[in-house]
N, C-alpha and C. Protein backbone atom coordinates (compact mmCIF):
# COMPACT_ATOMS: atom_id res chain seq x y z
N MET A 1 -1.71 82.00 26.07
CA MET A 1 -0.95 81.77 24.91
C MET A 1 0.02 80.65 25.13
N GLU A 2 0.61 80.68 26.31
CA GLU A 2 1.59 79.66 26.60
C GLU A 2 0.92 78.35 26.64
N SER A 3 -0.29 78.29 27.09
CA SER A 3 -1.03 76.97 27.15
C SER A 3 -1.29 76.48 25.75
N SER A 4 -1.58 77.39 24.82
CA SER A 4 -1.82 76.96 23.48
C SER A 4 -0.50 76.48 22.79
N ILE A 5 0.58 77.11 23.14
CA ILE A 5 1.89 76.64 22.63
C ILE A 5 2.22 75.23 23.22
N VAL A 6 1.95 75.11 24.51
CA VAL A 6 2.12 73.79 25.16
C VAL A 6 1.26 72.77 24.50
N ASP A 7 -0.01 73.14 24.34
CA ASP A 7 -0.93 72.24 23.68
C ASP A 7 -0.47 71.87 22.28
N ALA A 8 0.00 72.86 21.52
CA ALA A 8 0.48 72.61 20.17
C ALA A 8 1.69 71.75 20.25
N SER A 9 2.53 71.98 21.25
CA SER A 9 3.78 71.20 21.35
C SER A 9 3.41 69.73 21.68
N ILE A 10 2.45 69.58 22.58
CA ILE A 10 1.98 68.17 22.97
C ILE A 10 1.40 67.53 21.80
N ALA A 11 0.53 68.25 21.06
CA ALA A 11 -0.11 67.67 19.86
C ALA A 11 0.96 67.31 18.82
N SER A 12 1.96 68.18 18.65
CA SER A 12 3.03 67.92 17.70
C SER A 12 3.78 66.64 18.12
N ARG A 13 4.04 66.51 19.39
CA ARG A 13 4.79 65.31 19.89
C ARG A 13 3.88 64.03 19.71
N LYS A 14 2.60 64.15 19.91
CA LYS A 14 1.67 63.03 19.76
C LYS A 14 1.65 62.65 18.30
N CYS A 15 1.63 63.62 17.46
CA CYS A 15 1.59 63.41 15.95
C CYS A 15 2.86 62.70 15.55
N ARG A 16 4.02 63.17 16.07
CA ARG A 16 5.30 62.54 15.71
C ARG A 16 5.36 61.12 16.26
N ARG A 17 4.88 60.97 17.51
CA ARG A 17 4.83 59.58 18.11
C ARG A 17 3.93 58.70 17.32
N ASP A 18 2.78 59.20 16.84
CA ASP A 18 1.88 58.36 16.03
C ASP A 18 2.57 58.02 14.70
N GLU A 19 3.26 59.03 14.12
CA GLU A 19 3.93 58.77 12.91
C GLU A 19 5.08 57.72 13.08
N GLU A 20 5.87 57.85 14.17
CA GLU A 20 6.94 56.91 14.49
C GLU A 20 6.31 55.48 14.70
N GLU A 21 5.19 55.42 15.41
CA GLU A 21 4.59 54.14 15.69
C GLU A 21 4.06 53.52 14.32
N GLU A 22 3.51 54.39 13.49
CA GLU A 22 3.05 53.94 12.17
C GLU A 22 4.21 53.40 11.32
N GLU A 23 5.36 54.12 11.34
CA GLU A 23 6.54 53.64 10.62
C GLU A 23 7.06 52.37 11.16
N GLU A 24 7.06 52.19 12.52
CA GLU A 24 7.46 50.94 13.16
C GLU A 24 6.49 49.82 12.77
N LEU A 25 5.17 50.06 12.73
CA LEU A 25 4.22 49.08 12.29
C LEU A 25 4.47 48.67 10.81
N GLU A 26 4.77 49.67 10.00
CA GLU A 26 5.05 49.36 8.55
C GLU A 26 6.30 48.51 8.43
N GLN A 27 7.34 48.84 9.21
CA GLN A 27 8.56 48.09 9.18
C GLN A 27 8.33 46.69 9.65
N ALA A 28 7.58 46.54 10.73
CA ALA A 28 7.27 45.22 11.31
C ALA A 28 6.44 44.42 10.27
N PHE A 29 5.49 45.07 9.62
CA PHE A 29 4.68 44.40 8.63
C PHE A 29 5.55 43.94 7.47
N PHE A 30 6.46 44.80 7.00
CA PHE A 30 7.39 44.52 5.92
C PHE A 30 8.29 43.28 6.27
N ILE A 31 8.77 43.33 7.57
CA ILE A 31 9.67 42.14 8.01
C ILE A 31 8.79 40.91 7.99
N ILE A 32 7.61 40.91 8.56
CA ILE A 32 6.76 39.77 8.66
C ILE A 32 6.40 39.25 7.27
N VAL A 33 6.09 40.11 6.34
CA VAL A 33 5.75 39.69 4.92
C VAL A 33 7.02 39.10 4.31
N SER A 34 8.18 39.66 4.55
CA SER A 34 9.46 39.17 3.97
C SER A 34 9.74 37.79 4.47
N ILE A 35 9.55 37.57 5.81
CA ILE A 35 9.80 36.22 6.37
C ILE A 35 8.76 35.23 5.82
N ALA A 36 7.51 35.64 5.71
CA ALA A 36 6.49 34.77 5.14
C ALA A 36 6.80 34.36 3.71
N ILE A 37 7.32 35.29 2.91
CA ILE A 37 7.65 34.96 1.51
C ILE A 37 8.85 33.96 1.48
N MET A 38 9.83 34.23 2.34
CA MET A 38 10.97 33.32 2.39
C MET A 38 10.57 31.90 2.83
N LEU A 39 9.68 31.82 3.88
CA LEU A 39 9.19 30.57 4.30
C LEU A 39 8.42 29.87 3.20
N LEU A 40 7.59 30.61 2.50
CA LEU A 40 6.82 30.03 1.40
C LEU A 40 7.78 29.51 0.29
N GLY A 41 8.77 30.26 -0.01
CA GLY A 41 9.76 29.79 -0.96
C GLY A 41 10.54 28.51 -0.54
N ALA A 42 10.91 28.50 0.72
CA ALA A 42 11.56 27.32 1.26
C ALA A 42 10.67 26.07 1.28
N MET A 43 9.42 26.29 1.62
CA MET A 43 8.40 25.20 1.60
C MET A 43 8.20 24.70 0.18
N THR A 44 8.16 25.61 -0.78
CA THR A 44 7.94 25.26 -2.21
C THR A 44 9.13 24.43 -2.62
N TRP A 45 10.33 24.88 -2.35
CA TRP A 45 11.54 24.14 -2.72
C TRP A 45 11.53 22.73 -2.11
N TYR A 46 11.28 22.69 -0.79
CA TYR A 46 11.29 21.41 -0.03
C TYR A 46 10.25 20.45 -0.63
N HIS A 47 9.05 20.97 -0.91
CA HIS A 47 7.98 20.12 -1.51
C HIS A 47 8.39 19.63 -2.83
N GLY A 48 8.95 20.49 -3.66
CA GLY A 48 9.41 20.07 -5.03
C GLY A 48 10.51 19.05 -4.94
N LYS A 49 11.39 19.18 -4.00
CA LYS A 49 12.53 18.27 -3.89
C LYS A 49 12.21 16.91 -3.20
N TYR A 50 11.34 16.96 -2.24
CA TYR A 50 11.10 15.73 -1.44
C TYR A 50 9.67 15.12 -1.61
N PHE A 51 8.71 15.88 -1.98
CA PHE A 51 7.38 15.32 -2.11
C PHE A 51 6.83 15.17 -3.50
N ALA A 52 7.11 16.10 -4.37
CA ALA A 52 6.61 16.03 -5.74
C ALA A 52 7.51 15.16 -6.61
N LYS A 53 7.27 13.87 -6.56
CA LYS A 53 8.10 12.87 -7.31
C LYS A 53 7.14 12.05 -8.17
N GLU A 54 7.76 11.35 -9.11
CA GLU A 54 6.99 10.43 -9.90
C GLU A 54 6.63 9.30 -8.98
N PRO A 55 5.47 8.68 -9.29
CA PRO A 55 5.09 7.52 -8.42
C PRO A 55 6.15 6.40 -8.47
N VAL A 56 6.43 5.88 -7.27
CA VAL A 56 7.45 4.90 -7.16
C VAL A 56 6.90 3.55 -7.62
N TRP A 57 7.68 2.82 -8.37
CA TRP A 57 7.30 1.53 -8.83
C TRP A 57 7.39 0.53 -7.63
N ASN A 58 6.36 -0.21 -7.46
CA ASN A 58 6.39 -1.26 -6.54
C ASN A 58 6.80 -2.54 -7.22
N LEU A 59 8.13 -2.78 -7.18
CA LEU A 59 8.67 -3.83 -7.95
C LEU A 59 8.19 -5.23 -7.52
N GLU A 60 8.01 -5.33 -6.19
CA GLU A 60 7.57 -6.60 -5.65
C GLU A 60 6.17 -6.90 -6.14
N LEU A 61 5.30 -5.94 -6.15
CA LEU A 61 3.94 -6.08 -6.64
C LEU A 61 3.94 -6.43 -8.12
N GLU A 62 4.73 -5.71 -8.89
CA GLU A 62 4.80 -5.90 -10.33
C GLU A 62 5.32 -7.32 -10.62
N ARG A 63 6.33 -7.77 -9.88
CA ARG A 63 6.85 -9.15 -10.09
C ARG A 63 5.85 -10.19 -9.81
N HIS A 64 5.13 -10.02 -8.66
CA HIS A 64 4.08 -11.04 -8.30
C HIS A 64 2.98 -11.06 -9.31
N SER A 65 2.61 -9.89 -9.83
CA SER A 65 1.59 -9.81 -10.87
C SER A 65 2.01 -10.59 -12.05
N PHE A 66 3.26 -10.41 -12.49
CA PHE A 66 3.75 -11.07 -13.71
C PHE A 66 3.83 -12.60 -13.46
N LEU A 67 4.31 -13.04 -12.28
CA LEU A 67 4.37 -14.45 -12.02
C LEU A 67 3.02 -15.07 -11.85
N ASN A 68 2.09 -14.37 -11.30
CA ASN A 68 0.76 -14.91 -11.06
C ASN A 68 0.04 -15.12 -12.47
N ARG A 69 0.42 -14.24 -13.42
CA ARG A 69 -0.18 -14.46 -14.75
C ARG A 69 0.44 -15.76 -15.35
N LEU A 70 1.66 -16.09 -15.05
CA LEU A 70 2.29 -17.33 -15.56
C LEU A 70 1.69 -18.55 -14.79
N TYR A 71 1.67 -18.50 -13.48
CA TYR A 71 1.28 -19.65 -12.70
C TYR A 71 -0.20 -19.86 -12.65
N LYS A 72 -0.94 -18.80 -12.45
CA LYS A 72 -2.37 -18.92 -12.23
C LYS A 72 -3.19 -18.48 -13.41
N GLY A 73 -2.53 -18.05 -14.48
CA GLY A 73 -3.25 -17.60 -15.66
C GLY A 73 -3.74 -18.80 -16.50
N THR A 74 -3.97 -18.57 -17.72
CA THR A 74 -4.48 -19.64 -18.60
C THR A 74 -3.33 -20.58 -18.94
N GLU A 75 -3.73 -21.77 -19.33
CA GLU A 75 -2.71 -22.73 -19.72
C GLU A 75 -1.94 -22.32 -20.91
N SER A 76 -2.64 -21.62 -21.80
CA SER A 76 -1.96 -21.20 -23.07
C SER A 76 -0.92 -20.07 -22.77
N ASP A 77 -1.17 -19.23 -21.78
CA ASP A 77 -0.13 -18.25 -21.38
C ASP A 77 1.13 -18.90 -20.90
N CYS A 78 0.98 -19.91 -20.11
CA CYS A 78 2.15 -20.66 -19.54
C CYS A 78 2.85 -21.37 -20.69
N ILE A 79 2.14 -21.94 -21.54
CA ILE A 79 2.76 -22.65 -22.69
C ILE A 79 3.47 -21.62 -23.62
N GLU A 80 2.86 -20.52 -23.90
CA GLU A 80 3.51 -19.49 -24.75
C GLU A 80 4.77 -18.90 -24.13
N GLN A 81 4.78 -18.69 -22.80
CA GLN A 81 5.90 -18.04 -22.18
C GLN A 81 7.03 -18.97 -21.77
N LEU A 82 6.62 -20.19 -21.25
CA LEU A 82 7.59 -21.07 -20.73
C LEU A 82 7.78 -22.35 -21.54
N ARG A 83 6.90 -22.60 -22.47
CA ARG A 83 6.92 -23.73 -23.41
C ARG A 83 6.66 -25.06 -22.68
N VAL A 84 5.99 -24.99 -21.53
CA VAL A 84 5.50 -26.19 -20.81
C VAL A 84 4.18 -25.88 -20.17
N THR A 85 3.43 -26.95 -19.87
CA THR A 85 2.09 -26.77 -19.23
C THR A 85 2.34 -26.38 -17.75
N LYS A 86 1.31 -25.93 -17.15
CA LYS A 86 1.44 -25.61 -15.69
C LYS A 86 1.77 -26.83 -14.86
N LYS A 87 1.10 -27.94 -15.18
CA LYS A 87 1.33 -29.15 -14.47
C LYS A 87 2.82 -29.59 -14.59
N ALA A 88 3.32 -29.54 -15.82
CA ALA A 88 4.73 -29.98 -16.02
C ALA A 88 5.70 -28.99 -15.38
N PHE A 89 5.32 -27.69 -15.40
CA PHE A 89 6.17 -26.67 -14.72
C PHE A 89 6.30 -26.97 -13.27
N PHE A 90 5.20 -27.16 -12.56
CA PHE A 90 5.27 -27.40 -11.11
C PHE A 90 5.93 -28.74 -10.83
N LYS A 91 5.71 -29.78 -11.68
CA LYS A 91 6.38 -31.02 -11.54
C LYS A 91 7.90 -30.89 -11.65
N LEU A 92 8.32 -30.09 -12.68
CA LEU A 92 9.78 -29.78 -12.86
C LEU A 92 10.36 -29.13 -11.56
N CYS A 93 9.59 -28.16 -11.07
CA CYS A 93 10.05 -27.47 -9.86
C CYS A 93 10.21 -28.42 -8.71
N ARG A 94 9.30 -29.31 -8.53
CA ARG A 94 9.41 -30.31 -7.44
C ARG A 94 10.62 -31.25 -7.66
N ILE A 95 10.82 -31.70 -8.92
CA ILE A 95 11.93 -32.63 -9.22
C ILE A 95 13.25 -31.91 -8.96
N LEU A 96 13.35 -30.72 -9.43
CA LEU A 96 14.65 -29.92 -9.18
C LEU A 96 14.89 -29.66 -7.76
N GLN A 97 13.84 -29.47 -6.93
CA GLN A 97 14.00 -29.23 -5.53
C GLN A 97 14.38 -30.52 -4.81
N ASP A 98 13.68 -31.61 -5.19
CA ASP A 98 13.92 -32.87 -4.42
C ASP A 98 15.16 -33.57 -4.85
N LYS A 99 15.38 -33.76 -6.13
CA LYS A 99 16.46 -34.57 -6.65
C LYS A 99 17.64 -33.72 -7.15
N GLY A 100 17.37 -32.53 -7.59
CA GLY A 100 18.47 -31.67 -8.13
C GLY A 100 18.99 -30.78 -7.08
N GLN A 101 18.45 -30.85 -5.86
CA GLN A 101 18.91 -30.05 -4.73
C GLN A 101 18.94 -28.56 -4.98
N LEU A 102 17.94 -28.14 -5.70
CA LEU A 102 17.76 -26.71 -5.98
C LEU A 102 17.03 -26.15 -4.72
N ALA A 103 17.63 -25.15 -4.11
CA ALA A 103 17.04 -24.63 -2.86
C ALA A 103 16.59 -23.16 -3.10
N LYS A 104 15.51 -22.82 -2.50
CA LYS A 104 15.09 -21.41 -2.60
C LYS A 104 16.00 -20.53 -1.76
N THR A 105 16.10 -19.33 -2.26
CA THR A 105 16.94 -18.39 -1.50
C THR A 105 15.99 -17.50 -0.62
N ARG A 106 16.60 -16.59 0.10
CA ARG A 106 15.78 -15.75 0.95
C ARG A 106 14.79 -14.90 0.18
N ASN A 107 15.16 -14.46 -0.98
CA ASN A 107 14.34 -13.54 -1.76
C ASN A 107 13.69 -14.12 -3.01
N VAL A 108 14.21 -15.25 -3.46
CA VAL A 108 13.74 -15.79 -4.77
C VAL A 108 13.21 -17.22 -4.57
N PRO A 109 11.88 -17.40 -4.78
CA PRO A 109 11.42 -18.79 -4.65
C PRO A 109 11.79 -19.65 -5.84
N ILE A 110 11.67 -20.98 -5.65
CA ILE A 110 12.12 -21.92 -6.67
C ILE A 110 11.28 -21.75 -7.96
N THR A 111 9.96 -21.57 -7.80
CA THR A 111 9.13 -21.43 -8.98
C THR A 111 9.53 -20.24 -9.87
N GLU A 112 9.93 -19.13 -9.22
CA GLU A 112 10.40 -17.99 -9.98
C GLU A 112 11.75 -18.27 -10.70
N VAL A 113 12.62 -18.99 -9.99
CA VAL A 113 13.93 -19.33 -10.56
C VAL A 113 13.76 -20.20 -11.80
N VAL A 114 12.91 -21.20 -11.68
CA VAL A 114 12.67 -22.09 -12.78
C VAL A 114 11.96 -21.38 -13.98
N ALA A 115 11.01 -20.50 -13.62
CA ALA A 115 10.30 -19.76 -14.64
C ALA A 115 11.32 -18.87 -15.36
N MET A 116 12.25 -18.22 -14.70
CA MET A 116 13.26 -17.41 -15.36
C MET A 116 14.10 -18.25 -16.31
N PHE A 117 14.50 -19.39 -15.81
CA PHE A 117 15.35 -20.33 -16.60
C PHE A 117 14.62 -20.73 -17.86
N LEU A 118 13.36 -21.24 -17.72
CA LEU A 118 12.61 -21.71 -18.92
C LEU A 118 12.28 -20.49 -19.82
N HIS A 119 12.05 -19.34 -19.24
CA HIS A 119 11.75 -18.17 -20.10
C HIS A 119 12.98 -17.75 -20.93
N ILE A 120 14.16 -17.79 -20.33
CA ILE A 120 15.39 -17.51 -21.11
C ILE A 120 15.55 -18.49 -22.22
N LEU A 121 15.44 -19.76 -21.93
CA LEU A 121 15.67 -20.80 -22.93
C LEU A 121 14.58 -20.81 -24.00
N ALA A 122 13.30 -20.59 -23.63
CA ALA A 122 12.19 -20.58 -24.55
C ALA A 122 12.24 -19.44 -25.60
N HIS A 123 12.77 -18.30 -25.23
CA HIS A 123 12.71 -17.17 -26.09
C HIS A 123 14.14 -16.60 -26.41
N ASN A 124 15.23 -17.35 -26.01
CA ASN A 124 16.54 -16.90 -26.27
C ASN A 124 16.73 -15.47 -25.79
N LEU A 125 16.38 -15.21 -24.56
CA LEU A 125 16.43 -13.86 -23.98
C LEU A 125 17.81 -13.63 -23.36
N LYS A 126 18.15 -12.34 -23.27
CA LYS A 126 19.34 -11.86 -22.53
C LYS A 126 18.93 -11.58 -21.10
N TYR A 127 19.93 -11.56 -20.22
CA TYR A 127 19.70 -11.21 -18.83
C TYR A 127 19.10 -9.78 -18.68
N ARG A 128 19.47 -8.87 -19.55
CA ARG A 128 18.97 -7.51 -19.45
C ARG A 128 17.44 -7.48 -19.67
N VAL A 129 16.92 -8.28 -20.60
CA VAL A 129 15.51 -8.38 -20.76
C VAL A 129 14.83 -9.01 -19.59
N MET A 130 15.46 -10.01 -19.09
CA MET A 130 14.86 -10.65 -17.89
C MET A 130 14.86 -9.73 -16.67
N HIS A 131 15.91 -8.91 -16.63
CA HIS A 131 16.04 -7.96 -15.54
C HIS A 131 14.78 -7.07 -15.53
N PHE A 132 14.37 -6.69 -16.69
CA PHE A 132 13.21 -5.79 -16.85
C PHE A 132 11.92 -6.53 -16.57
N SER A 133 11.78 -7.74 -17.07
CA SER A 133 10.56 -8.49 -16.87
C SER A 133 10.31 -8.95 -15.45
N TYR A 134 11.38 -9.48 -14.84
CA TYR A 134 11.26 -10.09 -13.49
C TYR A 134 11.60 -9.10 -12.40
N CYS A 135 12.06 -7.90 -12.68
CA CYS A 135 12.41 -6.91 -11.72
C CYS A 135 13.47 -7.46 -10.75
N ARG A 136 14.47 -8.06 -11.26
CA ARG A 136 15.58 -8.59 -10.46
C ARG A 136 16.86 -8.03 -11.10
N SER A 137 17.90 -8.02 -10.34
CA SER A 137 19.18 -7.57 -10.84
C SER A 137 19.73 -8.61 -11.82
N MET A 138 20.57 -8.17 -12.72
CA MET A 138 21.15 -9.08 -13.74
C MET A 138 22.07 -10.10 -13.05
N GLU A 139 22.74 -9.67 -11.94
CA GLU A 139 23.55 -10.58 -11.18
C GLU A 139 22.72 -11.75 -10.53
N THR A 140 21.56 -11.36 -10.00
CA THR A 140 20.71 -12.36 -9.42
C THR A 140 20.20 -13.33 -10.50
N ILE A 141 19.81 -12.84 -11.62
CA ILE A 141 19.32 -13.70 -12.69
C ILE A 141 20.41 -14.59 -13.19
N SER A 142 21.64 -14.13 -13.33
CA SER A 142 22.76 -14.94 -13.74
C SER A 142 23.03 -16.06 -12.73
N ARG A 143 23.04 -15.69 -11.47
CA ARG A 143 23.38 -16.67 -10.45
C ARG A 143 22.25 -17.77 -10.37
N GLN A 144 21.03 -17.31 -10.45
CA GLN A 144 19.91 -18.24 -10.35
C GLN A 144 19.85 -19.15 -11.60
N PHE A 145 20.12 -18.62 -12.79
CA PHE A 145 20.15 -19.40 -14.02
C PHE A 145 21.22 -20.52 -13.88
N LYS A 146 22.36 -20.14 -13.37
CA LYS A 146 23.47 -21.14 -13.19
C LYS A 146 23.05 -22.23 -12.14
N ASP A 147 22.39 -21.82 -11.07
CA ASP A 147 21.92 -22.78 -10.10
C ASP A 147 20.95 -23.83 -10.72
N VAL A 148 20.03 -23.30 -11.48
CA VAL A 148 19.03 -24.24 -12.11
C VAL A 148 19.68 -25.08 -13.14
N LEU A 149 20.66 -24.55 -13.87
CA LEU A 149 21.42 -25.33 -14.85
C LEU A 149 22.11 -26.50 -14.15
N TRP A 150 22.75 -26.24 -12.99
CA TRP A 150 23.46 -27.26 -12.27
C TRP A 150 22.45 -28.32 -11.76
N ALA A 151 21.31 -27.90 -11.26
CA ALA A 151 20.25 -28.84 -10.79
C ALA A 151 19.79 -29.70 -11.95
N ILE A 152 19.60 -29.13 -13.13
CA ILE A 152 19.14 -29.90 -14.26
C ILE A 152 20.25 -30.87 -14.68
N MET A 153 21.48 -30.52 -14.61
CA MET A 153 22.56 -31.41 -14.98
C MET A 153 22.59 -32.59 -13.98
N LYS A 154 22.26 -32.37 -12.72
CA LYS A 154 22.28 -33.41 -11.72
C LYS A 154 21.16 -34.46 -11.99
N VAL A 155 19.99 -34.00 -12.39
CA VAL A 155 18.91 -34.92 -12.70
C VAL A 155 18.91 -35.43 -14.10
N SER A 156 19.76 -34.94 -14.99
CA SER A 156 19.69 -35.28 -16.37
C SER A 156 19.92 -36.73 -16.64
N LYS A 157 20.81 -37.44 -15.89
CA LYS A 157 21.11 -38.85 -16.08
C LYS A 157 19.88 -39.69 -15.77
N GLU A 158 19.09 -39.21 -14.83
CA GLU A 158 17.93 -39.91 -14.35
C GLU A 158 16.72 -39.74 -15.30
N TYR A 159 16.63 -38.58 -15.84
CA TYR A 159 15.36 -38.19 -16.59
C TYR A 159 15.56 -38.10 -18.09
N LEU A 160 16.81 -37.96 -18.56
CA LEU A 160 17.10 -37.89 -19.95
C LEU A 160 17.73 -39.17 -20.43
N LYS A 161 17.27 -39.59 -21.58
CA LYS A 161 17.82 -40.80 -22.14
C LYS A 161 18.70 -40.43 -23.34
N PHE A 162 19.98 -40.80 -23.29
CA PHE A 162 20.87 -40.47 -24.35
C PHE A 162 20.96 -41.71 -25.25
N HIS A 163 20.89 -41.49 -26.55
CA HIS A 163 20.97 -42.61 -27.51
C HIS A 163 22.38 -42.67 -28.07
N ASP A 164 22.87 -43.83 -28.28
CA ASP A 164 24.11 -44.06 -28.99
C ASP A 164 23.71 -44.11 -30.52
N TYR A 165 24.43 -43.40 -31.30
CA TYR A 165 24.16 -43.50 -32.68
C TYR A 165 25.45 -43.45 -33.43
N ASN A 166 25.41 -44.13 -34.57
CA ASN A 166 26.62 -44.21 -35.44
C ASN A 166 26.43 -43.29 -36.63
N LEU A 167 27.46 -42.64 -36.93
CA LEU A 167 27.39 -41.79 -38.04
C LEU A 167 27.90 -42.53 -39.33
N GLU A 168 27.13 -42.40 -40.35
CA GLU A 168 27.56 -43.02 -41.63
C GLU A 168 28.78 -42.32 -42.10
N GLY A 169 29.68 -43.10 -42.62
CA GLY A 169 30.93 -42.49 -43.17
C GLY A 169 31.76 -42.01 -42.00
N SER A 170 32.15 -42.92 -41.18
CA SER A 170 32.95 -42.56 -40.01
C SER A 170 34.29 -41.89 -40.41
N VAL A 171 34.95 -41.43 -39.42
CA VAL A 171 36.24 -40.71 -39.60
C VAL A 171 37.27 -41.68 -40.19
N GLU A 172 37.19 -42.96 -39.86
CA GLU A 172 38.13 -43.99 -40.32
C GLU A 172 38.11 -44.12 -41.86
N ASN A 173 36.96 -43.91 -42.42
CA ASN A 173 36.80 -44.13 -43.88
C ASN A 173 37.35 -42.99 -44.69
N LYS A 174 37.61 -41.91 -44.11
CA LYS A 174 38.08 -40.73 -44.86
C LYS A 174 39.48 -40.74 -45.18
């Protein structure tokens, strides 16, 4: 009888140990699942914050595409946008560079500067519109416009002919 009590006691302890081990496994499983859910939430947040974004505009590519349509596109596109032929445009660029001392900057070539200048004059555009079309800051557009204007003023005496004219009914007759 004592052996049956001992066997029952041992069986009871084994059962309790099995139950305790099962509880520990359940707790460990719960902890692992909780950590996995937190990691999944953190990864979702990180992905949403740093990876899931709108496509970035490649401004350099967009600018080159726009300018290539002007320079290498049809003659009528150049005339519509800049009011000069492509041949006259490149000749003007060369004149302003050689005689007007217009120099390219680190980021803006002379052809782009002259195109911006002619585009502004041809369509009476504001710097804000040019900022959108040429993907440049308004400060850059303003500075480059001023530089081209100074270069044109330098070559104006050589290439522009000013006529003297008399007004009928001069100021003296009034």
